[in-house]
Amino acid sequence: MMQANNAILKLISNETLDSIHNIGVVTPSIYTSIFTENALKHEINIDDENKLTDTLLDSKIQLCQSVQEKKHKQCISTQ
C-alpha cells in the first residue's frame, strides 16, 4: 500500500513541478494549490497532510535504519 502511495505522490509531485516550471516565483500557497489540483485529478485526498507526511517520513527513516544495520553487520563480519 505504501509503495502505491509513494508512486502516486511521486507522479503528482512531478506533475506539479512540470506545472510550476515556467512560473518565475512560486510561493508555498501557489505550490499547494497546484499540488492539490493535481491530487484531485488522481482522486487523492490530501486533507490530512500531517498524517501523510508522517507516513512518508516513517518509510524513509525505516529505509535508512535498514541500510545502517546492513552496513554495521558487514563491518562486523569483515573484522
Protein backbone atom coordinates (compact mmCIF):
# COMPACT_ATOMS: atom_id res chain seq x y z
CA MET A 1 0.00 0.00 0.00
CA MET A 2 2.77 2.44 0.91
CA GLN A 3 4.56 1.79 -2.40
CA ALA A 4 1.35 2.64 -4.25
CA ASN A 5 1.03 5.81 -2.20
CA ASN A 6 4.64 6.72 -2.92
CA ALA A 7 4.18 6.10 -6.63
CA ILE A 8 1.08 8.26 -6.93
CA LEU A 9 2.61 11.01 -4.78
CA LYS A 10 5.72 10.96 -6.95
CA LEU A 11 3.51 11.26 -10.03
CA ILE A 12 1.59 14.18 -8.50
CA SER A 13 4.84 15.83 -7.42
CA ASN A 14 6.28 15.52 -10.93
CA GLU A 15 3.11 16.94 -12.47
CA THR A 16 3.26 19.83 -10.03
CA LEU A 17 6.92 20.52 -10.78
CA ASP A 18 6.13 20.47 -14.50
CA SER A 19 3.29 22.94 -13.93
CA ILE A 20 5.39 25.42 -11.94
CA HIS A 21 8.46 25.14 -14.15
CA ASN A 22 7.72 28.31 -16.11
CA ILE A 23 6.43 30.36 -13.17
CA GLY A 24 9.00 32.95 -12.09
CA VAL A 25 8.14 32.99 -8.39
CA VAL A 26 6.34 30.12 -6.68
CA THR A 27 5.05 30.77 -3.19
CA PRO A 28 4.08 27.91 -0.86
CA SER A 29 0.40 28.69 -1.40
CA ILE A 30 0.81 28.53 -5.20
CA TYR A 31 2.63 25.20 -4.94
CA THR A 32 -0.01 23.86 -2.56
CA SER A 33 -2.82 24.96 -4.84
CA ILE A 34 -1.30 23.29 -7.90
CA PHE A 35 -0.36 20.13 -5.95
CA THR A 36 -3.89 19.87 -4.55
CA GLU A 37 -5.39 20.32 -8.01
CA ASN A 38 -3.17 17.54 -9.39
CA ALA A 39 -4.02 15.28 -6.44
CA LEU A 40 -7.72 15.75 -7.04
CA LYS A 41 -7.25 14.73 -10.69
CA HIS A 42 -5.99 11.39 -9.35
CA GLU A 43 -8.75 11.22 -6.74
CA ILE A 44 -6.24 11.56 -3.89
CA ASN A 45 -7.39 13.31 -0.73
CA ILE A 46 -4.57 15.25 0.91
CA ASP A 47 -6.68 16.85 3.63
CA ASP A 48 -4.70 15.06 6.36
CA GLU A 49 -1.30 16.33 5.21
CA ASN A 50 0.36 15.80 8.61
CA LYS A 51 -0.51 12.09 8.61
CA LEU A 52 0.66 11.76 5.01
CA THR A 53 3.96 13.47 5.83
CA ASP A 54 4.46 11.30 8.93
CA THR A 55 3.86 8.15 6.90
CA LEU A 56 6.36 9.19 4.23
CA LEU A 57 8.97 10.16 6.82
CA ASP A 58 8.49 6.88 8.70
CA SER A 59 9.10 4.99 5.48
CA LYS A 60 12.32 6.92 4.77
CA ILE A 61 13.55 6.50 8.36
CA GLN A 62 12.95 2.74 8.20
CA LEU A 63 14.90 2.57 4.95
CA CYS A 64 17.83 4.49 6.50
CA GLN A 65 17.81 2.24 9.56
CA SER A 66 17.83 -0.85 7.38
CA VAL A 67 20.81 0.41 5.38
CA GLN A 68 22.64 1.32 8.58
CA GLU A 69 22.03 -2.13 10.09
CA LYS A 70 23.28 -3.86 6.93
CA LYS A 71 26.46 -1.76 6.89
CA HIS A 72 27.03 -2.44 10.57
CA LYS A 73 26.67 -6.19 10.02
CA GLN A 74 29.06 -6.02 7.07
CA CYS A 75 31.63 -4.19 9.17
CA ILE A 76 31.38 -6.75 11.94
CA SER A 77 31.65 -9.72 9.57
CA THR A 78 34.83 -8.37 7.93
CA GLN A 79 36.66 -7.94 11.21
